[in-house]
């Protein structure tokens, strides 16, 4: 390619060189004491910080010691240039105007959130402070540049917020596209306190429902599905959110109920039937033609339709079949535990989550709700608070758990910079997604459902059912049922009163019918 200021040969000679760090022939980013350096190696070196072994100061360490090649500061390495920000003096990667990444991010956010007076809109000051304080400001700069020339990008939404063109309400964000970008900004606003906190999966459902309703061609079907959502699905989701939290599987099942109800109405229409004229033969025909998952999803709609007199109340819904997955054998459980404790190639997060499943039979929906405050360590012993009393953590697991807490994932951006979650997620103020964590554990050979089954059965072989229920957060009826299924009896335990659990609950004896 020809250039007006240089021929190809001149450009190659003036601007290209072999990098002294990586050995590749790249564009010159500068001349350092050890030679020419490319942009990639320059950025990586300048961002490296620590205590300089030469002078003992805490600084950026872009230089290399001439003897052992260790990272040292610019003064000890003999740099002729500095990397100090012209505004705040921070030593690191410099951008336009010789400003550091944090000062550059501050300027860009100030311009985007300007309310027209040259200042950040007062209502958005908490969001501004949250974004500016992130550990890695370059992540914030990358977020602002993402999809820059496309509608609905982060910079555009922030600009509209600053000018007041976008109302500070959840409903306003639910109408925005693309929905992922809007959802991320909405969660940042909730994390900073600008918007009231609402369960993110409830927001997700509220955002999804209007689009689904718009895709239904029959107005009567639309009216029926809207009533079903308003009077059955949404109240239960909101009650669940108020009571505890909505999991991805709960959110997904709510959408599946709506989808299958819509499909059922369309199926009735193809048979020249309406919901009001639906008969028992139609219900039976649907159940014959569809699988167990579809039947389960439709069950709530049929129950609601009969109770609300949308169809005949005399209809009968076939009984639902319940199946359970086989648990791991004890040898398989111990093998999986051994792998997780010793395999350093597996991500630390997955090792810790897998160990908690295999040792304490915890569902991932509960594991992701754990915080670092649930890990109790007094220097001599470590306990994990899953119920009452807290459960002791074996020594090999203790070292793994404490090492992981010291360096958790997803802690370097504005999303979760002060998070107390044991497994922080990528979304603002939210823990990791249990369904995503389950898929990752499955990939490394830890099937969660089968692992939980093996772990709880082993606990019941060693401890009384009410003790296990209290310590692991299970319902006492669940542990009593599992004890009966494993063939255990109360007579196996050591002498003493095992009818009183540590929390004071007195169980009923399990008897054969």
Protein backbone atom coordinates (compact mmCIF):
# COMPACT_ATOMS: atom_id res chain seq x y z
CA UNK A 1 0.00 0.00 0.00
CA UNK A 2 1.48 3.37 -1.03
CA UNK A 3 1.50 6.34 1.36
CA UNK A 4 1.90 10.05 0.48
CA UNK A 5 4.59 10.55 3.11
CA UNK A 6 6.69 7.41 2.58
CA UNK A 7 7.23 4.53 0.27
CA UNK A 8 6.62 1.01 1.51
CA UNK A 9 10.34 0.54 1.97
CA UNK A 10 10.69 3.78 3.95
CA UNK A 11 7.69 2.92 6.14
CA UNK A 12 9.18 -0.49 6.86
CA UNK A 13 12.51 1.08 7.80
CA UNK A 14 11.15 3.99 9.87
CA UNK A 15 8.21 2.44 11.75
CA UNK A 16 8.77 -1.31 11.89
CA UNK A 17 11.32 -3.23 13.98
CA UNK A 18 11.84 -6.51 15.77
CA UNK A 19 10.44 -6.27 19.31
CA UNK A 20 13.06 -6.94 21.99
CA UNK A 21 10.45 -8.59 24.22
CA UNK A 22 8.45 -10.91 21.95
CA UNK A 23 10.79 -11.14 18.95
CA UNK A 24 8.06 -10.34 16.39
CA UNK A 25 8.44 -7.67 13.73
CA UNK A 26 5.81 -5.10 14.65
CA UNK A 27 5.17 -1.36 14.74
CA UNK A 28 7.52 0.46 17.10
CA UNK A 29 5.86 1.73 20.27
CA UNK A 30 9.08 3.14 21.69
CA UNK A 31 12.77 2.64 22.29
CA UNK A 32 13.55 1.25 25.71
CA UNK A 33 16.91 0.49 27.34
CA UNK A 34 16.73 -3.11 26.11
CA UNK A 35 15.71 -2.15 22.55
CA UNK A 36 12.63 -1.49 20.38
CA UNK A 37 9.33 -2.60 21.89
CA UNK A 38 5.97 -3.22 20.20
CA UNK A 39 2.65 -1.79 21.42
CA UNK A 40 1.43 -5.10 22.87
CA UNK A 41 4.55 -5.67 24.96
CA UNK A 42 4.71 -2.00 25.95
CA UNK A 43 1.14 -1.98 27.27
CA UNK A 44 1.61 -5.27 29.11
CA UNK A 45 4.85 -4.11 30.74
CA UNK A 46 3.59 -0.66 31.80
CA UNK A 47 0.50 -2.17 33.44
CA UNK A 48 2.61 -4.52 35.56
CA UNK A 49 2.88 -3.15 39.11
CA UNK A 50 4.57 -4.24 42.31
CA UNK A 51 7.53 -3.61 44.56
CA UNK A 52 10.67 -2.89 42.57
CA UNK A 53 13.48 -5.26 43.68
CA UNK A 54 16.02 -2.50 42.98
CA UNK A 55 14.68 0.47 44.96
CA UNK A 56 11.94 -1.18 46.99
CA UNK A 57 9.23 1.26 45.83
CA UNK A 58 5.70 0.30 44.77
CA UNK A 59 5.61 1.39 41.13
CA UNK A 60 4.97 0.30 37.56
CA UNK A 61 7.61 -2.24 36.52
CA UNK A 62 8.13 -1.98 32.75
CA UNK A 63 11.90 -2.47 32.84
CA UNK A 64 13.97 -5.66 32.90
CA UNK A 65 16.90 -6.30 35.21
CA UNK A 66 20.02 -6.82 33.02
CA UNK A 67 21.17 -9.81 35.08
CA UNK A 68 18.15 -11.94 36.03
CA UNK A 69 15.49 -10.36 33.79
CA UNK A 70 13.18 -9.53 36.70
CA UNK A 71 10.73 -6.64 36.32
CA UNK A 72 12.04 -3.32 37.67
CA UNK A 73 10.93 0.31 37.64
CA UNK A 74 11.85 2.91 35.01
CA UNK A 75 14.42 4.60 37.28
CA UNK A 76 16.35 1.41 38.00
CA UNK A 77 16.11 0.34 34.35
CA UNK A 78 17.45 3.68 33.09
CA UNK A 79 14.43 4.80 31.03
CA UNK A 80 14.66 8.19 29.40
CA UNK A 81 10.85 8.53 29.39
CA UNK A 82 8.30 8.54 32.18
CA UNK A 83 4.79 7.10 32.40
CA UNK A 84 3.32 9.54 34.93
CA UNK A 85 -0.20 10.87 34.33
CA UNK A 86 -0.11 14.60 33.64
CA UNK A 87 -3.14 15.14 35.91
CA UNK A 88 -3.03 12.73 38.86
CA UNK A 89 0.57 11.54 38.63
CA UNK A 90 -0.34 7.84 38.53
CA UNK A 91 2.34 5.79 36.80
CA UNK A 92 0.94 3.45 34.17
CA UNK A 93 -0.45 3.22 30.66
CA UNK A 94 -0.93 6.71 29.18
CA UNK A 95 -3.56 7.72 26.64
CA UNK A 96 -4.35 11.02 24.90
CA UNK A 97 -2.99 14.11 26.64
CA UNK A 98 -0.67 11.87 28.66
CA UNK A 99 -3.59 10.98 30.89
CA UNK A 100 -3.86 7.64 32.67
CA UNK A 101 -6.73 5.27 31.94
CA UNK A 102 -8.69 6.33 35.04
CA UNK A 103 -8.48 10.05 34.25
CA UNK A 104 -9.45 9.32 30.63
CA UNK A 105 -12.45 7.29 31.82
CA UNK A 106 -13.42 10.12 34.18
CA UNK A 107 -13.36 12.66 31.33
CA UNK A 108 -15.41 10.48 28.99
CA UNK A 109 -18.04 9.69 31.62
CA UNK A 110 -18.26 13.36 32.57
CA UNK A 111 -18.97 14.24 28.94
CA UNK A 112 -21.48 11.42 28.47
CA UNK A 113 -23.44 12.06 31.68
CA UNK A 114 -23.44 15.84 31.22
CA UNK A 115 -26.93 17.27 31.83
CA UNK A 116 -26.23 20.28 29.61
CA UNK A 117 -24.62 22.40 32.31
CA UNK A 118 -21.12 20.97 31.95
CA UNK A 119 -21.59 18.75 35.03
CA UNK A 120 -22.72 15.19 35.65
CA UNK A 121 -26.48 14.94 36.15
CA UNK A 122 -26.89 14.89 39.97
CA UNK A 123 -29.15 11.80 39.96
CA UNK A 124 -26.43 9.87 38.12
CA UNK A 125 -23.55 10.80 40.43
CA UNK A 126 -23.63 7.38 42.23
CA UNK A 127 -23.35 5.61 38.84
CA UNK A 128 -20.48 7.92 37.87
CA UNK A 129 -18.63 7.19 41.11
CA UNK A 130 -19.16 3.43 40.73
CA UNK A 131 -17.75 3.38 37.20
CA UNK A 132 -14.78 5.63 37.93
CA UNK A 133 -13.75 3.53 40.95
CA UNK A 134 -13.45 0.19 39.09
CA UNK A 135 -10.14 -1.62 39.59
CA UNK A 136 -9.44 -1.88 35.85
CA UNK A 137 -10.57 1.36 34.19
CA UNK A 138 -9.54 0.04 30.78
CA UNK A 139 -12.49 -2.35 31.05
CA UNK A 140 -14.76 0.67 31.41
CA UNK A 141 -13.15 2.34 28.38
CA UNK A 142 -13.62 -0.84 26.35
CA UNK A 143 -17.29 -0.93 27.41
CA UNK A 144 -17.82 2.65 26.22
CA UNK A 145 -16.22 1.83 22.86
CA UNK A 146 -18.23 -1.36 22.35
CA UNK A 147 -20.57 -1.22 19.32
CA UNK A 148 -19.74 2.48 19.06
CA UNK A 149 -21.26 2.98 15.60
CA UNK A 150 -24.36 0.89 16.25
CA UNK A 151 -27.64 2.04 17.84
CA UNK A 152 -28.20 1.21 21.48
CA UNK A 153 -24.54 1.19 22.47
CA UNK A 154 -23.48 2.01 26.03
CA UNK A 155 -22.23 5.53 25.19
CA UNK A 156 -25.53 6.43 23.52
CA UNK A 157 -27.61 5.19 26.47
CA UNK A 158 -25.42 7.06 28.97
CA UNK A 159 -25.74 10.24 26.91
CA UNK A 160 -29.53 9.91 26.85
CA UNK A 161 -29.55 9.31 30.60
CA UNK A 162 -27.46 12.41 31.18
CA UNK A 163 -29.79 14.62 29.11
CA UNK A 164 -32.90 13.14 30.76
CA UNK A 165 -34.15 11.66 27.48
CA UNK A 166 -34.23 8.17 29.03
CA UNK A 167 -36.40 7.97 32.18
CA UNK A 168 -34.83 6.43 35.26
CA UNK A 169 -37.41 3.63 35.52
CA UNK A 170 -37.24 -0.13 35.04
CA UNK A 171 -40.04 -0.02 32.47
CA UNK A 172 -38.02 2.35 30.28
CA UNK A 173 -35.08 -0.06 30.21
CA UNK A 174 -37.32 -3.03 29.44
CA UNK A 175 -38.27 -1.40 26.13
CA UNK A 176 -34.69 -0.75 24.99
CA UNK A 177 -32.78 -2.75 22.38
CA UNK A 178 -30.36 -4.47 22.30
CA UNK A 179 -31.69 -5.94 25.53
CA UNK A 180 -28.36 -7.28 26.80
CA UNK A 181 -26.71 -3.85 26.77
CA UNK A 182 -29.80 -2.31 28.38
CA UNK A 183 -29.93 -5.03 31.05
CA UNK A 184 -26.26 -4.52 31.95
CA UNK A 185 -26.72 -0.76 32.38
CA UNK A 186 -29.92 -1.33 34.36
CA UNK A 187 -28.04 -3.62 36.75
CA UNK A 188 -25.26 -1.04 37.16
CA UNK A 189 -27.92 1.54 38.05
CA UNK A 190 -29.37 -0.85 40.64
CA UNK A 191 -25.92 -1.64 42.05
CA UNK A 192 -25.19 2.08 42.48
CA UNK A 193 -28.58 2.77 44.07
CA UNK A 194 -29.92 4.99 41.28
CA UNK A 195 -32.70 2.49 40.51
CA UNK A 196 -34.46 0.40 43.19
CA UNK A 197 -33.21 -3.18 43.37
CA UNK A 198 -35.37 -5.70 41.49
CA UNK A 199 -34.56 -9.36 40.87
CA UNK A 200 -32.73 -9.50 37.54
CA UNK A 201 -34.63 -12.58 36.38
CA UNK A 202 -37.94 -10.86 37.11
CA UNK A 203 -36.69 -7.96 34.97
CA UNK A 204 -35.70 -10.46 32.30
CA UNK A 205 -39.20 -11.97 32.25
CA UNK A 206 -40.86 -8.53 32.16
CA UNK A 207 -38.64 -7.66 29.20
CA UNK A 208 -39.38 -10.91 27.35
CA UNK A 209 -43.18 -11.12 27.81
CA UNK A 210 -44.30 -8.15 25.61
CA UNK A 211 -42.28 -9.50 22.68
CA UNK A 212 -43.89 -12.91 23.03
CA UNK A 213 -47.38 -11.44 23.22
CA UNK A 214 -46.70 -9.32 20.13
CA UNK A 215 -45.89 -12.48 18.18
CA UNK A 216 -49.30 -14.13 18.82
CA UNK A 217 -51.55 -13.64 15.78
CA UNK A 218 -54.95 -14.41 17.35
CA UNK A 219 -56.23 -11.51 19.55
CA UNK A 220 -58.25 -13.88 21.76
CA UNK A 221 -55.18 -16.01 22.37
CA UNK A 222 -53.20 -12.88 23.22
CA UNK A 223 -55.86 -11.83 25.73
CA UNK A 224 -55.89 -15.28 27.38
CA UNK A 225 -52.10 -15.53 27.65
CA UNK A 226 -51.89 -11.99 29.03
CA UNK A 227 -54.43 -12.91 31.73
CA UNK A 228 -52.55 -16.13 32.54
CA UNK A 229 -49.28 -14.19 32.88
CA UNK A 230 -50.83 -11.40 34.95
CA UNK A 231 -52.83 -13.57 37.35
CA UNK A 232 -50.72 -16.71 37.68
CA UNK A 233 -47.14 -16.55 36.40
CA UNK A 234 -46.09 -13.03 37.43
CA UNK A 235 -47.57 -13.14 40.97
CA UNK A 236 -45.66 -16.34 41.68
CA UNK A 237 -42.43 -14.93 40.30
CA UNK A 238 -42.81 -11.77 42.40
CA UNK A 239 -43.62 -13.79 45.50
CA UNK A 240 -40.54 -15.93 44.92
CA UNK A 241 -38.39 -12.80 44.47
CA UNK A 242 -39.74 -11.30 47.72
CA UNK A 243 -39.26 -14.56 49.60
CA UNK A 244 -35.74 -15.41 48.42
CA UNK A 245 -34.51 -15.14 44.84
CA UNK A 246 -35.42 -16.31 41.36
CA UNK A 247 -33.07 -18.84 39.80
CA UNK A 248 -32.42 -19.17 36.05
CA UNK A 249 -34.38 -22.43 36.00
CA UNK A 250 -37.41 -20.76 37.64
CA UNK A 251 -37.28 -17.91 35.12
CA UNK A 252 -36.90 -20.37 32.24
CA UNK A 253 -39.80 -22.51 33.48
CA UNK A 254 -42.06 -19.45 33.73
CA UNK A 255 -41.34 -18.64 30.09
CA UNK A 256 -41.89 -22.28 29.13
CA UNK A 257 -45.32 -22.20 30.79
CA UNK A 258 -46.27 -19.18 28.66
CA UNK A 259 -44.88 -20.74 25.47
CA UNK A 260 -46.63 -24.07 25.95
CA UNK A 261 -49.91 -22.37 26.85
CA UNK A 262 -49.65 -20.42 23.59
CA UNK A 263 -48.86 -23.57 21.64
CA UNK A 264 -51.79 -25.37 23.27
CA UNK A 265 -54.24 -22.62 22.25
CA UNK A 266 -52.93 -22.74 18.68
CA UNK A 267 -53.25 -26.54 18.72
CA UNK A 268 -56.86 -26.23 19.86
CA UNK A 269 -57.50 -23.72 17.06
CA UNK A 270 -56.21 -26.21 14.50
CA UNK A 271 -58.81 -28.69 15.84
CA UNK A 272 -61.55 -26.03 15.52
CA UNK A 273 -61.73 -25.78 19.27
CA UNK A 274 -61.46 -22.90 21.73
CA UNK A 275 -60.38 -23.00 25.35
CA UNK A 276 -64.03 -22.71 26.42
CA UNK A 277 -65.07 -25.69 24.26
CA UNK A 278 -62.03 -27.81 25.14
CA UNK A 279 -63.07 -31.29 26.26
CA UNK A 280 -61.45 -34.19 28.07
CA UNK A 281 -60.67 -35.89 24.75
CA UNK A 282 -58.64 -32.81 23.73
CA UNK A 283 -56.65 -32.87 26.96
CA UNK A 284 -55.98 -36.59 26.57
CA UNK A 285 -54.96 -36.16 22.92
CA UNK A 286 -52.48 -33.38 23.85
CA UNK A 287 -50.93 -35.55 26.56
CA UNK A 288 -50.54 -38.44 24.12
CA UNK A 289 -48.88 -36.29 21.44
CA UNK A 290 -46.42 -34.44 23.72
CA UNK A 291 -43.52 -35.41 25.97
CA UNK A 292 -43.32 -35.20 29.76
CA UNK A 293 -41.69 -31.76 29.77
CA UNK A 294 -44.49 -30.26 27.65
CA UNK A 295 -47.12 -31.84 29.90
CA UNK A 296 -45.44 -30.44 33.00
CA UNK A 297 -45.26 -26.95 31.51
CA UNK A 298 -48.93 -26.95 30.46
CA UNK A 299 -50.25 -28.23 33.78
CA UNK A 300 -50.30 -24.80 35.48
CA UNK A 301 -52.16 -23.21 32.56
CA UNK A 302 -54.87 -25.90 32.58
CA UNK A 303 -55.29 -25.57 36.36
CA UNK A 304 -55.57 -21.78 36.10
CA UNK A 305 -58.01 -22.01 33.17
CA UNK A 306 -60.31 -24.33 35.15
CA UNK A 307 -60.14 -22.23 38.33
CA UNK A 308 -60.84 -18.99 36.41
CA UNK A 309 -63.63 -20.67 34.42
CA UNK A 310 -61.86 -20.16 31.11
CA UNK A 311 -62.70 -23.82 30.44
CA UNK A 312 -64.80 -26.53 32.05
CA UNK A 313 -64.03 -27.18 35.69
CA UNK A 314 -64.92 -30.84 35.30
CA UNK A 315 -61.81 -31.54 33.18
CA UNK A 316 -59.23 -33.92 34.61
CA UNK A 317 -55.48 -33.36 34.29
CA UNK A 318 -53.47 -36.61 34.05
CA UNK A 319 -51.12 -37.38 36.94
CA UNK A 320 -47.54 -36.16 36.47
CA UNK A 321 -44.76 -38.74 36.51
CA UNK A 322 -41.76 -37.91 38.73
CA UNK A 323 -38.38 -39.45 37.94
CA UNK A 324 -35.07 -39.12 39.80
CA UNK A 325 -31.57 -39.40 38.46
CA UNK A 326 -29.29 -42.11 39.80
CA UNK A 327 -26.67 -40.92 42.29
CA UNK A 328 -22.93 -41.43 41.89
CA UNK A 329 -21.42 -44.40 43.65
CA UNK A 330 -19.24 -43.68 46.67
CA UNK A 331 -16.10 -44.57 44.69
CA UNK A 332 -17.08 -42.17 41.90
CA UNK A 333 -17.72 -39.41 44.42
CA UNK A 334 -14.33 -39.90 46.10
CA UNK A 335 -12.56 -40.03 42.74
CA UNK A 336 -14.17 -36.73 41.73
CA UNK A 337 -13.16 -35.17 45.06
CA UNK A 338 -9.57 -36.30 44.62
CA UNK A 339 -9.39 -34.81 41.13
CA UNK A 340 -10.76 -31.44 42.24
CA UNK A 341 -8.33 -31.21 45.17
CA UNK A 342 -5.24 -31.97 43.06
CA UNK A 343 -5.95 -30.85 39.48
CA UNK A 344 -4.37 -27.40 39.19
CA UNK A 345 -5.36 -27.10 35.53
CA UNK A 346 -9.05 -26.85 36.47
CA UNK A 347 -10.18 -23.27 37.26
CA UNK A 348 -10.16 -22.60 40.99
CA UNK A 349 -13.80 -21.48 40.96
CA UNK A 350 -14.97 -24.83 39.56
CA UNK A 351 -12.82 -26.80 41.98
CA UNK A 352 -14.31 -25.00 45.00
CA UNK A 353 -17.90 -25.24 43.74
CA UNK A 354 -17.48 -28.92 42.89
CA UNK A 355 -16.03 -29.74 46.31
CA UNK A 356 -18.97 -28.04 48.07
CA UNK A 357 -21.38 -30.13 45.98
CA UNK A 358 -19.53 -33.40 46.58
CA UNK A 359 -18.98 -32.86 50.31
CA UNK A 360 -22.09 -31.01 51.46
CA UNK A 361 -24.75 -31.98 48.87
CA UNK A 362 -25.61 -28.35 48.19
CA UNK A 363 -27.64 -27.29 45.13
CA UNK A 364 -25.89 -24.72 42.96
CA UNK A 365 -28.75 -22.28 43.47
CA UNK A 366 -27.75 -22.19 47.15
CA UNK A 367 -24.01 -22.33 46.54
CA UNK A 368 -24.00 -19.17 44.41
CA UNK A 369 -25.81 -17.35 47.25
CA UNK A 370 -22.93 -18.00 49.66
CA UNK A 371 -20.76 -15.04 50.63
CA UNK A 372 -17.21 -14.85 51.94
CA UNK A 373 -18.78 -14.14 55.35
CA UNK A 374 -20.19 -17.69 55.32
CA UNK A 375 -16.62 -19.02 55.51
CA UNK A 376 -15.63 -18.85 59.19
CA UNK A 377 -11.91 -19.12 59.90
CA UNK A 378 -10.30 -18.45 63.28
CA UNK A 379 -6.82 -19.65 62.36
CA UNK A 380 -7.29 -23.09 63.89
CA UNK A 381 -10.44 -24.36 62.20
CA UNK A 382 -12.55 -23.42 59.21
CA UNK A 383 -16.33 -23.73 59.07
CA UNK A 384 -18.79 -23.25 56.22
CA UNK A 385 -22.15 -21.81 57.20
CA UNK A 386 -24.75 -23.80 55.27
CA UNK A 387 -27.19 -24.24 58.16
CA UNK A 388 -26.96 -24.47 61.93
CA UNK A 389 -24.50 -25.45 63.18
CA UNK A 390 -21.88 -24.50 60.57
CA UNK A 391 -20.17 -27.45 58.91
CA UNK A 392 -16.45 -28.15 59.49
CA UNK A 393 -14.18 -27.93 56.45
CA UNK A 394 -11.45 -30.60 56.09
CA UNK A 395 -7.85 -29.37 55.98
CA UNK A 396 -7.19 -30.01 52.24
CA UNK A 397 -10.38 -28.17 51.34
CA UNK A 398 -9.56 -25.31 53.73
CA UNK A 399 -6.38 -24.37 51.89
CA UNK A 400 -8.16 -24.55 48.53
CA UNK A 401 -11.07 -22.43 49.80
CA UNK A 402 -8.92 -19.72 51.39
CA UNK A 403 -6.67 -19.52 48.35
CA UNK A 404 -9.70 -19.05 46.12
CA UNK A 405 -11.22 -16.32 48.35
CA UNK A 406 -7.97 -14.36 48.15
CA UNK A 407 -8.23 -14.22 44.34
CA UNK A 408 -11.86 -14.52 43.21
CA UNK A 409 -12.98 -14.02 39.62
CA UNK A 410 -14.91 -11.02 38.23
CA UNK A 411 -13.66 -8.52 40.84
CA UNK A 412 -11.81 -6.01 38.65
CA UNK A 413 -14.58 -4.00 36.99
CA UNK A 414 -17.42 -1.80 38.26
CA UNK A 415 -19.66 -4.85 38.21
CA UNK A 416 -18.58 -6.49 41.49
CA UNK A 417 -15.57 -4.57 42.77
CA UNK A 418 -16.70 -4.77 46.42
CA UNK A 419 -18.67 -8.00 46.10
CA UNK A 420 -19.08 -10.30 49.09
CA UNK A 421 -20.36 -13.16 46.91
CA UNK A 422 -18.23 -16.28 47.16
CA UNK A 423 -18.80 -16.73 43.42
CA UNK A 424 -19.20 -13.23 41.93
CA UNK A 425 -20.88 -13.06 38.54
CA UNK A 426 -20.26 -10.81 35.57
CA UNK A 427 -23.46 -8.83 36.13
CA UNK A 428 -23.58 -5.90 38.53
CA UNK A 429 -24.20 -6.95 42.12
CA UNK A 430 -25.08 -10.50 41.08
CA UNK A 431 -23.52 -13.88 41.87
CA UNK A 432 -22.57 -16.40 39.20
CA UNK A 433 -25.38 -18.07 37.27
CA UNK A 434 -26.08 -21.55 38.70
CA UNK A 435 -27.04 -22.97 35.30
CA UNK A 436 -23.77 -21.77 33.76
CA UNK A 437 -21.81 -23.16 36.71
CA UNK A 438 -23.66 -26.48 36.37
CA UNK A 439 -22.71 -26.76 32.70
CA UNK A 440 -19.04 -26.06 33.49
CA UNK A 441 -18.99 -28.64 36.29
CA UNK A 442 -20.53 -31.18 33.92
CA UNK A 443 -17.72 -30.55 31.45
CA UNK A 444 -15.08 -31.44 34.07
CA UNK A 445 -16.89 -34.63 35.08
CA UNK A 446 -18.99 -33.51 38.05
CA UNK A 447 -22.70 -34.11 37.26
CA UNK A 448 -24.31 -31.93 39.91
CA UNK A 449 -27.58 -33.83 40.51
CA UNK A 450 -25.86 -37.22 40.74
CA UNK A 451 -23.08 -35.78 42.93
CA UNK A 452 -25.59 -34.23 45.35
CA UNK A 453 -27.46 -37.52 45.62
CA UNK A 454 -24.28 -39.38 46.53
CA UNK A 455 -23.16 -36.73 49.04
CA UNK A 456 -26.45 -36.52 50.96
CA UNK A 457 -26.74 -40.29 51.19
CA UNK A 458 -23.22 -40.55 52.58
CA UNK A 459 -24.02 -37.85 55.15
CA UNK A 460 -27.11 -39.81 56.24
CA UNK A 461 -25.02 -42.95 56.70
CA UNK A 462 -22.81 -41.07 59.16
CA UNK A 463 -25.18 -38.68 60.98
CA UNK A 464 -28.82 -38.67 62.13
CA UNK A 465 -31.29 -37.24 59.61
CA UNK A 466 -32.34 -34.19 61.71
CA UNK A 467 -28.70 -33.24 62.30
CA UNK A 468 -27.99 -33.44 58.57
CA UNK A 469 -31.12 -31.42 57.81
CA UNK A 470 -30.13 -28.57 60.13
CA UNK A 471 -26.43 -28.51 59.23
CA UNK A 472 -26.90 -28.62 55.46
CA UNK A 473 -30.06 -26.54 55.19
CA UNK A 474 -32.33 -29.40 54.08
CA UNK A 475 -35.95 -29.89 55.09
CA UNK A 476 -36.28 -32.56 57.73
CA UNK A 477 -38.84 -34.46 55.67
CA UNK A 478 -36.34 -34.65 52.80
CA UNK A 479 -33.58 -36.20 54.89
CA UNK A 480 -36.04 -38.60 56.54
CA UNK A 481 -37.28 -39.73 53.12
CA UNK A 482 -33.72 -40.19 51.84
CA UNK A 483 -32.77 -42.10 54.97
CA UNK A 484 -35.64 -44.48 54.33
CA UNK A 485 -34.65 -44.88 50.67
CA UNK A 486 -31.07 -45.78 51.61
CA UNK A 487 -32.36 -48.48 53.97
CA UNK A 488 -31.02 -46.72 57.06
CA UNK A 489 -32.59 -47.05 60.50
CA UNK A 490 -32.19 -45.06 63.70
CA UNK A 491 -30.69 -48.08 65.47
CA UNK A 492 -27.46 -47.74 63.45
CA UNK A 493 -26.39 -44.60 65.30
CA UNK A 494 -24.47 -44.43 68.56
CA UNK A 495 -26.40 -44.59 71.82
CA UNK A 496 -27.94 -41.32 72.92
CA UNK A 497 -30.82 -39.00 72.19
CA UNK A 498 -30.74 -38.36 68.44
CA UNK A 499 -34.36 -37.27 68.34
CA UNK A 500 -33.32 -33.74 69.29
CA UNK A 501 -31.41 -31.81 66.63
CA UNK A 502 -29.03 -28.94 67.51
CA UNK A 503 -31.72 -26.41 66.54
CA UNK A 504 -34.29 -28.01 68.82
CA UNK A 505 -36.47 -29.75 66.23
CA UNK A 506 -37.86 -33.14 67.27
CA UNK A 507 -38.39 -35.48 64.30
CA UNK A 508 -41.01 -38.14 63.88
CA UNK A 509 -39.72 -41.66 63.71
CA UNK A 510 -39.68 -43.15 60.23
CA UNK A 511 -41.87 -46.24 60.15
CA UNK A 512 -42.74 -48.63 57.38
CA UNK A 513 -46.29 -48.52 56.18
